[in-house]
Amino acid sequence: MSADNSHNLLYFESPSMRELYECMDKWQAANGKRLLSVCVQQDKERFCCIALSNPTEVIITGVDGYKAQVSGYGSLHVASYVR
């Protein structure tokens, strides 16, 4: 994954929805990122998608500013912080 994640606008296009899905799925697997939002439209004979990736610079912190622990299930552990 690139260290520069300030550019999170993505564009995909394919001749079919299935191929568009496969292209986007491969991108996610290769980059290890989630897509925050997607917009799929048909442009003539092609299916196009403009997407925003989820920026990795977002860090959940506690009120003291230290990074909060988040479980694999997305639960926030308020009492424990990484220092």
Protein backbone atom coordinates (compact mmCIF):
# COMPACT_ATOMS: atom_id res chain seq x y z
CA MET A 1 0.00 0.00 0.00
CA SER A 2 1.32 3.44 -0.87
CA ALA A 3 2.47 5.67 1.97
CA ASP A 4 0.87 8.67 0.18
CA ASN A 5 -2.84 8.21 0.74
CA SER A 6 -3.92 11.82 0.20
CA HIS A 7 -5.30 10.91 -3.24
CA ASN A 8 -8.38 8.78 -2.58
CA LEU A 9 -10.43 9.34 -5.77
CA LEU A 10 -10.52 6.27 -8.03
CA TYR A 11 -11.95 5.48 -11.46
CA PHE A 12 -12.82 2.05 -12.84
CA GLU A 13 -14.49 1.07 -16.11
CA SER A 14 -15.38 -2.18 -17.84
CA PRO A 15 -17.66 -3.45 -20.61
CA SER A 16 -19.91 -5.31 -18.13
CA MET A 17 -21.00 -5.02 -14.51
CA ARG A 18 -19.42 -8.39 -13.74
CA GLU A 19 -16.06 -7.25 -15.10
CA LEU A 20 -16.38 -3.93 -13.26
CA TYR A 21 -16.96 -5.84 -10.03
CA GLU A 22 -13.96 -8.10 -10.70
CA CYS A 23 -11.74 -5.10 -11.46
CA MET A 24 -12.77 -3.35 -8.25
CA ASP A 25 -12.43 -6.55 -6.20
CA LYS A 26 -8.89 -7.09 -7.53
CA TRP A 27 -7.99 -3.48 -6.73
CA GLN A 28 -9.21 -3.90 -3.15
CA ALA A 29 -7.27 -7.14 -2.68
CA ALA A 30 -4.08 -5.64 -4.16
CA ASN A 31 -4.28 -2.40 -2.16
CA GLY A 32 -5.76 -3.65 1.10
CA LYS A 33 -8.20 -0.74 1.26
CA ARG A 34 -11.95 -0.43 1.57
CA LEU A 35 -14.01 1.74 -0.73
CA LEU A 36 -15.81 4.41 1.27
CA SER A 37 -18.34 5.22 -1.45
CA VAL A 38 -18.98 4.25 -5.06
CA CYS A 39 -21.09 5.63 -7.89
CA VAL A 40 -21.68 3.36 -10.89
CA GLN A 41 -23.11 4.73 -14.13
CA GLN A 42 -23.36 3.43 -17.65
CA ASP A 43 -21.47 5.57 -20.18
CA LYS A 44 -22.44 4.46 -23.69
CA GLU A 45 -21.42 0.79 -23.84
CA ARG A 46 -19.27 0.77 -20.69
CA PHE A 47 -19.93 0.65 -16.96
CA CYS A 48 -17.97 3.27 -15.07
CA CYS A 49 -17.36 3.79 -11.38
CA ILE A 50 -16.01 6.75 -9.48
CA ALA A 51 -15.07 5.69 -5.96
CA LEU A 52 -13.53 7.13 -2.82
CA SER A 53 -11.18 4.91 -0.88
CA ASN A 54 -11.22 4.94 2.88
CA PRO A 55 -8.27 7.11 3.92
CA THR A 56 -5.84 5.40 6.26
CA GLU A 57 -4.86 8.63 7.99
CA VAL A 58 -8.08 8.58 10.05
CA ILE A 59 -7.11 7.51 13.57
CA ILE A 60 -9.58 6.99 16.40
CA THR A 61 -8.28 8.55 19.60
CA GLY A 62 -9.43 8.97 23.16
CA VAL A 63 -9.95 12.36 24.80
CA ASP A 64 -6.29 12.35 25.87
CA GLY A 65 -5.15 12.12 22.22
CA TYR A 66 -3.71 8.61 22.36
CA LYS A 67 -4.69 6.06 19.72
CA ALA A 68 -7.62 3.92 20.90
CA GLN A 69 -7.70 0.13 20.66
CA VAL A 70 -10.23 -1.20 18.15
CA SER A 71 -11.07 -4.92 18.12
CA GLY A 72 -11.30 -7.04 14.97
CA TYR A 73 -15.07 -6.67 15.23
CA GLY A 74 -14.92 -2.87 15.18
CA SER A 75 -15.54 -2.42 18.92
CA LEU A 76 -13.80 0.49 20.55
CA HIS A 77 -12.00 -0.27 23.82
CA VAL A 78 -12.35 3.05 25.62
CA ALA A 79 -10.33 2.06 28.69
CA SER A 80 -7.18 0.97 26.83
CA TYR A 81 -5.00 3.15 24.64
CA VAL A 82 -1.80 2.55 22.69
CA ARG A 83 0.95 4.90 23.84
